[in-house]
Amino acid sequence: MVLVFGLLVATAFVQTSRNADVTSASRASLVDRIEASSARRARQEERVVALRSRVAQLERGTRRLTEEQQTDAVSERRLQALTGFVPVRGEGVRVTVTPAPDADETSQVNDQDLRLLVNGLFAAGAEAVAVNGQRLSATSAIRTSGDAIGVNFVGIAPPYVVEAIGDTRTLPARFVDTSTGQSFASNAEFYGFTYNVDSVDDLRLPAAPASREVLRSARSLTPDETTDDKRGPTS
């Protein structure tokens, strides 16, 4: 019995030792796994921080590009308005030119008279001008075509209504002070045609015809050509 008891004790000791080794190995493996997982988590957190920084950088870049785009859009819209290729509205003056009832061919209102009127309004500060509904642009022309006056190659008939958007507080007075405005007034007195200047709170002018946007001889300069032009003429 003593022998059997000793055998049982020895067997139990061996089994316990083996279990302890297994437990120790399992614990070490678990510790390794925890450490590896912690290391992966740390790397992932570092990557998250880097990605957040990159996202913030991209958002700043996007905001900057958006602001630049909005600025460019405003500049483009203003240039289009100034050059006549978008409809505009605002306060201004309406000048109605009426030929004399007994006017003959030599005393009729002609294209030169309307050009003086339009140029005088622009010189006085007008931002946009239309003649009988024809918006003037940088490529527009006022010319006599046969017996009629043509604006943008469209014939117009009297009375001639010239609408100009500008500051109503200064535009009429400045027009009178311009040399072209004075020439227009002299022609009106000499040839007997009349004109009325009325201030209007809300004028709406159409865009110039799309055909006026086409450049046939001129072209845009490239950045290199612009740089070359700044160097001045060479001898």
C-alpha atoms as a PDB file:
ATOM      1  CA  MET A   1       0.000   0.000   0.000  1.00  0.00           C
ATOM      2  CA  VAL A   2       2.871   2.304   0.833  1.00  0.00           C
ATOM      3  CA  LEU A   3       4.360   1.461  -2.515  1.00  0.00           C
ATOM      4  CA  VAL A   4       1.107   2.100  -4.322  1.00  0.00           C
ATOM      5  CA  PHE A   5       0.619   5.363  -2.482  1.00  0.00           C
ATOM      6  CA  GLY A   6       4.126   6.477  -3.396  1.00  0.00           C
ATOM      7  CA  LEU A   7       3.467   5.609  -7.026  1.00  0.00           C
ATOM      8  CA  LEU A   8       0.302   7.675  -7.019  1.00  0.00           C
ATOM      9  CA  VAL A   9       2.112  10.605  -5.443  1.00  0.00           C
ATOM     10  CA  ALA A  10       4.907  10.417  -8.022  1.00  0.00           C
ATOM     11  CA  THR A  11       2.417  10.238 -10.883  1.00  0.00           C
ATOM     12  CA  ALA A  12       0.519  13.209  -9.541  1.00  0.00           C
ATOM     13  CA  PHE A  13       3.757  15.157  -9.194  1.00  0.00           C
ATOM     14  CA  VAL A  14       4.788  14.455 -12.780  1.00  0.00           C
ATOM     15  CA  GLN A  15       1.338  15.384 -14.082  1.00  0.00           C
ATOM     16  CA  THR A  16       1.323  18.591 -12.057  1.00  0.00           C
ATOM     17  CA  SER A  17       4.777  19.479 -13.394  1.00  0.00           C
ATOM     18  CA  ARG A  18       3.596  18.901 -16.932  1.00  0.00           C
ATOM     19  CA  ASN A  19       0.468  20.988 -16.386  1.00  0.00           C
ATOM     20  CA  ALA A  20       2.575  23.754 -14.883  1.00  0.00           C
ATOM     21  CA  ASP A  21       4.846  23.707 -17.945  1.00  0.00           C
ATOM     22  CA  VAL A  22       1.817  23.861 -20.236  1.00  0.00           C
ATOM     23  CA  THR A  23       0.251  26.679 -18.207  1.00  0.00           C
ATOM     24  CA  SER A  24       3.528  28.590 -18.207  1.00  0.00           C
ATOM     25  CA  ALA A  25       3.886  28.137 -21.949  1.00  0.00           C
ATOM     26  CA  SER A  26       0.270  29.210 -22.512  1.00  0.00           C
ATOM     27  CA  ARG A  27       0.776  32.267 -20.353  1.00  0.00           C
ATOM     28  CA  ALA A  28       3.956  33.216 -22.245  1.00  0.00           C
ATOM     29  CA  SER A  29       2.162  32.712 -25.563  1.00  0.00           C
ATOM     30  CA  LEU A  30      -0.720  34.862 -24.366  1.00  0.00           C
ATOM     31  CA  VAL A  31       1.690  37.572 -23.250  1.00  0.00           C
ATOM     32  CA  ASP A  32       3.384  37.469 -26.671  1.00  0.00           C
ATOM     33  CA  ARG A  33       0.045  37.721 -28.403  1.00  0.00           C
ATOM     34  CA  ILE A  34      -0.987  40.656 -26.213  1.00  0.00           C
ATOM     35  CA  GLU A  35       2.298  42.436 -26.880  1.00  0.00           C
ATOM     36  CA  ALA A  36       2.007  41.799 -30.634  1.00  0.00           C
ATOM     37  CA  SER A  37      -1.579  43.050 -30.603  1.00  0.00           C
ATOM     38  CA  SER A  38      -0.530  46.141 -28.660  1.00  0.00           C
ATOM     39  CA  ALA A  39       2.231  46.796 -31.162  1.00  0.00           C
ATOM     40  CA  ARG A  40      -0.210  46.471 -34.087  1.00  0.00           C
ATOM     41  CA  ARG A  41      -2.640  48.789 -32.332  1.00  0.00           C
ATOM     42  CA  ALA A  42       0.101  51.351 -31.758  1.00  0.00           C
ATOM     43  CA  ARG A  43       1.062  51.208 -35.435  1.00  0.00           C
ATOM     44  CA  GLN A  44      -2.562  51.566 -36.462  1.00  0.00           C
ATOM     45  CA  GLU A  45      -3.006  54.555 -34.155  1.00  0.00           C
ATOM     46  CA  GLU A  46       0.083  56.160 -35.680  1.00  0.00           C
ATOM     47  CA  ARG A  47      -1.372  55.533 -39.137  1.00  0.00           C
ATOM     48  CA  VAL A  48      -4.714  57.028 -38.061  1.00  0.00           C
ATOM     49  CA  VAL A  49      -2.909  60.149 -36.819  1.00  0.00           C
ATOM     50  CA  ALA A  50      -1.004  60.412 -40.111  1.00  0.00           C
ATOM     51  CA  LEU A  51      -4.194  59.920 -42.142  1.00  0.00           C
ATOM     52  CA  ARG A  52      -6.026  62.552 -40.090  1.00  0.00           C
ATOM     53  CA  SER A  53      -3.186  64.957 -40.684  1.00  0.00           C
ATOM     54  CA  ARG A  54      -3.317  64.208 -44.402  1.00  0.00           C
ATOM     55  CA  VAL A  55      -7.097  64.684 -44.465  1.00  0.00           C
ATOM     56  CA  ALA A  56      -6.769  68.029 -42.675  1.00  0.00           C
ATOM     57  CA  GLN A  57      -4.104  69.080 -45.201  1.00  0.00           C
ATOM     58  CA  LEU A  58      -6.341  68.069 -48.122  1.00  0.00           C
ATOM     59  CA  GLU A  59      -9.305  69.922 -46.594  1.00  0.00           C
ATOM     60  CA  ARG A  60      -7.197  73.080 -46.302  1.00  0.00           C
ATOM     61  CA  GLY A  61      -6.129  72.658 -49.914  1.00  0.00           C
ATOM     62  CA  THR A  62      -9.734  72.131 -50.986  1.00  0.00           C
ATOM     63  CA  ARG A  63     -10.873  75.257 -49.142  1.00  0.00           C
ATOM     64  CA  ARG A  64      -8.075  77.257 -50.742  1.00  0.00           C
ATOM     65  CA  LEU A  65      -8.953  75.984 -54.223  1.00  0.00           C
ATOM     66  CA  THR A  66     -12.642  76.694 -53.590  1.00  0.00           C
ATOM     67  CA  GLU A  67     -11.859  80.248 -52.513  1.00  0.00           C
ATOM     68  CA  GLU A  68      -9.641  80.747 -55.572  1.00  0.00           C
ATOM     69  CA  GLN A  69     -12.367  79.326 -57.804  1.00  0.00           C
ATOM     70  CA  GLN A  70     -14.953  81.653 -56.278  1.00  0.00           C
ATOM     71  CA  THR A  71     -12.608  84.621 -56.730  1.00  0.00           C
ATOM     72  CA  ASP A  72     -11.958  83.638 -60.349  1.00  0.00           C
ATOM     73  CA  ALA A  73     -15.689  83.195 -60.948  1.00  0.00           C
ATOM     74  CA  VAL A  74     -16.404  86.666 -59.564  1.00  0.00           C
ATOM     75  CA  SER A  75     -13.611  88.161 -61.691  1.00  0.00           C
ATOM     76  CA  GLU A  76     -14.861  86.335 -64.768  1.00  0.00           C
ATOM     77  CA  ARG A  77     -18.427  87.484 -64.146  1.00  0.00           C
ATOM     78  CA  ARG A  78     -17.277  91.072 -63.698  1.00  0.00           C
ATOM     79  CA  LEU A  79     -15.205  90.941 -66.886  1.00  0.00           C
ATOM     80  CA  GLN A  80     -18.163  89.483 -68.770  1.00  0.00           C
ATOM     81  CA  ALA A  81     -20.371  92.283 -67.458  1.00  0.00           C
ATOM     82  CA  LEU A  82     -17.849  94.967 -68.374  1.00  0.00           C
ATOM     83  CA  THR A  83     -17.277  93.538 -71.851  1.00  0.00           C
ATOM     84  CA  GLY A  84     -20.994  93.133 -72.488  1.00  0.00           C
ATOM     85  CA  PHE A  85     -21.449  89.385 -72.672  1.00  0.00           C
ATOM     86  CA  VAL A  86     -23.805  88.787 -69.743  1.00  0.00           C
ATOM     87  CA  PRO A  87     -27.135  90.494 -68.947  1.00  0.00           C
ATOM     88  CA  VAL A  88     -26.862  93.213 -66.309  1.00  0.00           C
ATOM     89  CA  ARG A  89     -29.195  95.380 -64.283  1.00  0.00           C
ATOM     90  CA  GLY A  90     -28.871  98.466 -62.140  1.00  0.00           C
ATOM     91  CA  GLU A  91     -29.630 102.146 -61.914  1.00  0.00           C
ATOM     92  CA  GLY A  92     -28.712 104.421 -64.781  1.00  0.00           C
ATOM     93  CA  VAL A  93     -29.950 106.847 -67.394  1.00  0.00           C
ATOM     94  CA  ARG A  94     -32.112 106.525 -70.486  1.00  0.00           C
ATOM     95  CA  VAL A  95     -31.394 108.967 -73.312  1.00  0.00           C
ATOM     96  CA  THR A  96     -34.089 109.217 -75.992  1.00  0.00           C
ATOM     97  CA  VAL A  97     -32.934 110.842 -79.233  1.00  0.00           C
ATOM     98  CA  THR A  98     -35.683 112.054 -81.592  1.00  0.00           C
ATOM     99  CA  PRO A  99     -34.958 113.482 -85.078  1.00  0.00           C
ATOM    100  CA  ALA A 100     -36.487 116.816 -86.035  1.00  0.00           C
ATOM    101  CA  PRO A 101     -39.905 116.426 -87.703  1.00  0.00           C
ATOM    102  CA  ASP A 102     -38.707 118.196 -90.864  1.00  0.00           C
ATOM    103  CA  ALA A 103     -35.254 116.617 -90.942  1.00  0.00           C
ATOM    104  CA  ASP A 104     -33.828 115.827 -94.365  1.00  0.00           C
ATOM    105  CA  GLU A 105     -30.962 113.527 -95.296  1.00  0.00           C
ATOM    106  CA  THR A 106     -28.373 116.031 -94.138  1.00  0.00           C
ATOM    107  CA  SER A 107     -29.968 116.741 -90.760  1.00  0.00           C
ATOM    108  CA  GLN A 108     -31.018 113.234 -89.727  1.00  0.00           C
ATOM    109  CA  VAL A 109     -29.483 111.661 -86.651  1.00  0.00           C
ATOM    110  CA  ASN A 110     -26.624 109.541 -87.947  1.00  0.00           C
ATOM    111  CA  ASP A 111     -24.238 106.914 -86.673  1.00  0.00           C
ATOM    112  CA  GLN A 112     -21.648 109.515 -85.673  1.00  0.00           C
ATOM    113  CA  ASP A 113     -24.141 111.249 -83.402  1.00  0.00           C
ATOM    114  CA  LEU A 114     -24.942 107.981 -81.616  1.00  0.00           C
ATOM    115  CA  ARG A 115     -21.255 107.143 -81.287  1.00  0.00           C
ATOM    116  CA  LEU A 116     -20.652 110.528 -79.653  1.00  0.00           C
ATOM    117  CA  LEU A 117     -23.505 109.856 -77.244  1.00  0.00           C
ATOM    118  CA  VAL A 118     -22.310 106.344 -76.381  1.00  0.00           C
ATOM    119  CA  ASN A 119     -18.656 107.360 -76.006  1.00  0.00           C
ATOM    120  CA  GLY A 120     -19.674 110.284 -73.821  1.00  0.00           C
ATOM    121  CA  LEU A 121     -21.672 108.007 -71.531  1.00  0.00           C
ATOM    122  CA  PHE A 122     -18.774 105.575 -71.202  1.00  0.00           C
ATOM    123  CA  ALA A 123     -16.382 108.468 -70.521  1.00  0.00           C
ATOM    124  CA  ALA A 124     -18.791 109.724 -67.833  1.00  0.00           C
ATOM    125  CA  GLY A 125     -18.647 106.400 -65.982  1.00  0.00           C
ATOM    126  CA  ALA A 126     -21.261 104.158 -67.597  1.00  0.00           C
ATOM    127  CA  GLU A 127     -20.597 100.469 -66.948  1.00  0.00           C
ATOM    128  CA  ALA A 128     -22.885  99.049 -69.650  1.00  0.00           C
ATOM    129  CA  VAL A 129     -24.676 100.615 -72.616  1.00  0.00           C
ATOM    130  CA  ALA A 130     -27.339  99.406 -75.033  1.00  0.00           C
ATOM    131  CA  VAL A 131     -28.788 101.147 -78.090  1.00  0.00           C
ATOM    132  CA  ASN A 132     -32.377 100.201 -78.927  1.00  0.00           C
ATOM    133  CA  GLY A 133     -31.866  96.981 -76.990  1.00  0.00           C
ATOM    134  CA  GLN A 134     -28.546  96.121 -78.652  1.00  0.00           C
ATOM    135  CA  ARG A 135     -25.876  95.737 -75.968  1.00  0.00           C
ATOM    136  CA  LEU A 136     -22.508  97.198 -76.869  1.00  0.00           C
ATOM    137  CA  SER A 137     -19.329  95.171 -76.414  1.00  0.00           C
ATOM    138  CA  ALA A 138     -15.668  95.673 -77.220  1.00  0.00           C
ATOM    139  CA  THR A 139     -16.312  94.404 -80.751  1.00  0.00           C
ATOM    140  CA  SER A 140     -19.614  96.222 -81.382  1.00  0.00           C
ATOM    141  CA  ALA A 141     -19.964  98.837 -84.109  1.00  0.00           C
ATOM    142  CA  ILE A 142     -22.442 101.620 -84.809  1.00  0.00           C
ATOM    143  CA  ARG A 143     -22.537 102.145 -88.556  1.00  0.00           C
ATOM    144  CA  THR A 144     -24.890 103.514 -91.162  1.00  0.00           C
ATOM    145  CA  SER A 145     -26.165 100.714 -93.380  1.00  0.00           C
ATOM    146  CA  GLY A 146     -28.097 102.083 -96.323  1.00  0.00           C
ATOM    147  CA  ASP A 147     -30.751 104.420 -94.968  1.00  0.00           C
ATOM    148  CA  ALA A 148     -30.686 102.908 -91.460  1.00  0.00           C
ATOM    149  CA  ILE A 149     -28.239 102.845 -88.602  1.00  0.00           C
ATOM    150  CA  GLY A 150     -26.931  99.407 -87.646  1.00  0.00           C
ATOM    151  CA  VAL A 151     -25.783  98.310 -84.187  1.00  0.00           C
ATOM    152  CA  ASN A 152     -24.165  94.880 -83.969  1.00  0.00           C
ATOM    153  CA  PHE A 153     -25.189  94.611 -87.659  1.00  0.00           C
ATOM    154  CA  VAL A 154     -28.846  94.952 -86.640  1.00  0.00           C
ATOM    155  CA  GLY A 155     -30.810  97.849 -88.124  1.00  0.00           C
ATOM    156  CA  ILE A 156     -32.475 100.233 -85.688  1.00  0.00           C
ATOM    157  CA  ALA A 157     -35.021 103.011 -86.245  1.00  0.00           C
ATOM    158  CA  PRO A 158     -35.824 106.256 -84.426  1.00  0.00           C
ATOM    159  CA  PRO A 159     -36.497 107.224 -81.775  1.00  0.00           C
ATOM    160  CA  TYR A 160     -33.102 106.024 -80.635  1.00  0.00           C
ATOM    161  CA  VAL A 161     -33.095 104.908 -77.015  1.00  0.00           C
ATOM    162  CA  VAL A 162     -29.681 104.663 -75.380  1.00  0.00           C
ATOM    163  CA  GLU A 163     -29.666 103.086 -71.924  1.00  0.00           C
ATOM    164  CA  ALA A 164     -26.592 103.271 -69.710  1.00  0.00           C
ATOM    165  CA  ILE A 165     -26.069 101.700 -66.297  1.00  0.00           C
ATOM    166  CA  GLY A 166     -24.151 103.897 -63.900  1.00  0.00           C
ATOM    167  CA  ASP A 167     -24.374 106.163 -60.876  1.00  0.00           C
ATOM    168  CA  THR A 168     -27.423 108.361 -61.473  1.00  0.00           C
ATOM    169  CA  ARG A 169     -26.009 110.994 -59.097  1.00  0.00           C
ATOM    170  CA  THR A 170     -22.983 111.692 -61.283  1.00  0.00           C
ATOM    171  CA  LEU A 171     -23.526 110.167 -64.735  1.00  0.00           C
ATOM    172  CA  PRO A 172     -25.699 112.944 -66.303  1.00  0.00           C
ATOM    173  CA  ALA A 173     -23.468 115.777 -65.047  1.00  0.00           C
ATOM    174  CA  ARG A 174     -20.253 114.057 -66.051  1.00  0.00           C
ATOM    175  CA  PHE A 175     -21.657 113.324 -69.495  1.00  0.00           C
ATOM    176  CA  VAL A 176     -22.240 117.049 -70.061  1.00  0.00           C
ATOM    177  CA  ASP A 177     -18.638 117.750 -69.026  1.00  0.00           C
ATOM    178  CA  THR A 178     -17.050 115.286 -71.465  1.00  0.00           C
ATOM    179  CA  SER A 179     -15.778 116.527 -74.811  1.00  0.00           C
ATOM    180  CA  THR A 180     -17.817 113.922 -76.688  1.00  0.00           C
ATOM    181  CA  GLY A 181     -20.918 114.843 -74.705  1.00  0.00           C
ATOM    182  CA  GLN A 182     -20.428 118.498 -75.622  1.00  0.00           C
ATOM    183  CA  SER A 183     -19.948 117.580 -79.285  1.00  0.00           C
ATOM    184  CA  PHE A 184     -23.166 115.560 -79.185  1.00  0.00           C
ATOM    185  CA  ALA A 185     -25.070 118.494 -77.661  1.00  0.00           C
ATOM    186  CA  SER A 186     -23.645 120.833 -80.332  1.00  0.00           C
ATOM    187  CA  ASN A 187     -24.793 118.480 -83.100  1.00  0.00           C
ATOM    188  CA  ALA A 188     -28.258 118.292 -81.555  1.00  0.00           C
ATOM    189  CA  GLU A 189     -28.530 122.072 -81.517  1.00  0.00           C
ATOM    190  CA  PHE A 190     -27.150 122.476 -85.031  1.00  0.00           C
ATOM    191  CA  TYR A 191     -29.247 119.766 -86.709  1.00  0.00           C
ATOM    192  CA  GLY A 192     -32.364 120.296 -84.618  1.00  0.00           C
ATOM    193  CA  PHE A 193     -32.828 116.866 -83.129  1.00  0.00           C
ATOM    194  CA  THR A 194     -33.820 116.557 -79.482  1.00  0.00           C
ATOM    195  CA  TYR A 195     -32.741 114.287 -76.668  1.00  0.00           C
ATOM    196  CA  ASN A 196     -34.122 113.669 -73.193  1.00  0.00           C
ATOM    197  CA  VAL A 197     -32.075 112.294 -70.314  1.00  0.00           C
ATOM    198  CA  ASP A 198     -34.046 110.437 -67.651  1.00  0.00           C
ATOM    199  CA  SER A 199     -32.727 108.758 -64.528  1.00  0.00           C
ATOM    200  CA  VAL A 200     -33.999 105.200 -64.068  1.00  0.00           C
ATOM    201  CA  ASP A 201     -33.823 103.215 -60.830  1.00  0.00           C
ATOM    202  CA  ASP A 202     -33.770  99.777 -62.473  1.00  0.00           C
ATOM    203  CA  LEU A 203     -32.418  99.212 -65.969  1.00  0.00           C
ATOM    204  CA  ARG A 204     -32.038  95.743 -67.455  1.00  0.00           C
ATOM    205  CA  LEU A 205     -29.683  95.342 -70.379  1.00  0.00           C
ATOM    206  CA  PRO A 206     -29.330  92.134 -72.384  1.00  0.00           C
ATOM    207  CA  ALA A 207     -26.068  90.441 -73.269  1.00  0.00           C
ATOM    208  CA  ALA A 208     -24.348  91.304 -76.518  1.00  0.00           C
ATOM    209  CA  PRO A 209     -24.941  88.814 -79.347  1.00  0.00           C
ATOM    210  CA  ALA A 210     -22.824  85.677 -79.060  1.00  0.00           C
ATOM    211  CA  SER A 211     -21.411  86.364 -82.523  1.00  0.00           C
ATOM    212  CA  ARG A 212     -19.598  89.373 -81.057  1.00  0.00           C
ATOM    213  CA  GLU A 213     -17.539  87.077 -78.823  1.00  0.00           C
ATOM    214  CA  VAL A 214     -15.660  85.553 -81.747  1.00  0.00           C
ATOM    215  CA  LEU A 215     -12.150  86.911 -82.273  1.00  0.00           C
ATOM    216  CA  ARG A 216     -11.056  86.727 -85.906  1.00  0.00           C
ATOM    217  CA  SER A 217      -7.697  88.450 -85.803  1.00  0.00           C
ATOM    218  CA  ALA A 218      -6.691  88.717 -82.159  1.00  0.00           C
ATOM    219  CA  ARG A 219      -5.668  85.800 -79.966  1.00  0.00           C
ATOM    220  CA  SER A 220      -4.790  85.366 -76.312  1.00  0.00           C
ATOM    221  CA  LEU A 221      -1.145  85.625 -75.306  1.00  0.00           C
ATOM    222  CA  THR A 222       0.561  82.646 -73.705  1.00  0.00           C
ATOM    223  CA  PRO A 223       2.380  83.178 -70.373  1.00  0.00           C
ATOM    224  CA  ASP A 224       5.734  83.008 -72.201  1.00  0.00           C
ATOM    225  CA  GLU A 225       4.642  85.661 -74.689  1.00  0.00           C
ATOM    226  CA  THR A 226       3.420  87.869 -71.860  1.00  0.00           C
ATOM    227  CA  THR A 227       6.813  87.549 -70.167  1.00  0.00           C
ATOM    228  CA  ASP A 228       8.589  88.371 -73.412  1.00  0.00           C
ATOM    229  CA  ASP A 229       6.445  91.485 -73.896  1.00  0.00           C
ATOM    230  CA  LYS A 230       7.453  92.756 -70.443  1.00  0.00           C
ATOM    231  CA  ARG A 231      11.098  92.792 -71.548  1.00  0.00           C
ATOM    232  CA  GLY A 232      10.354  95.644 -73.913  1.00  0.00           C
ATOM    233  CA  PRO A 233      11.428  96.141 -77.539  1.00  0.00           C
ATOM    234  CA  THR A 234      14.839  95.044 -78.645  1.00  0.00           C
ATOM    235  CA  SER A 235      17.112  97.022 -80.925  1.00  0.00           C
END
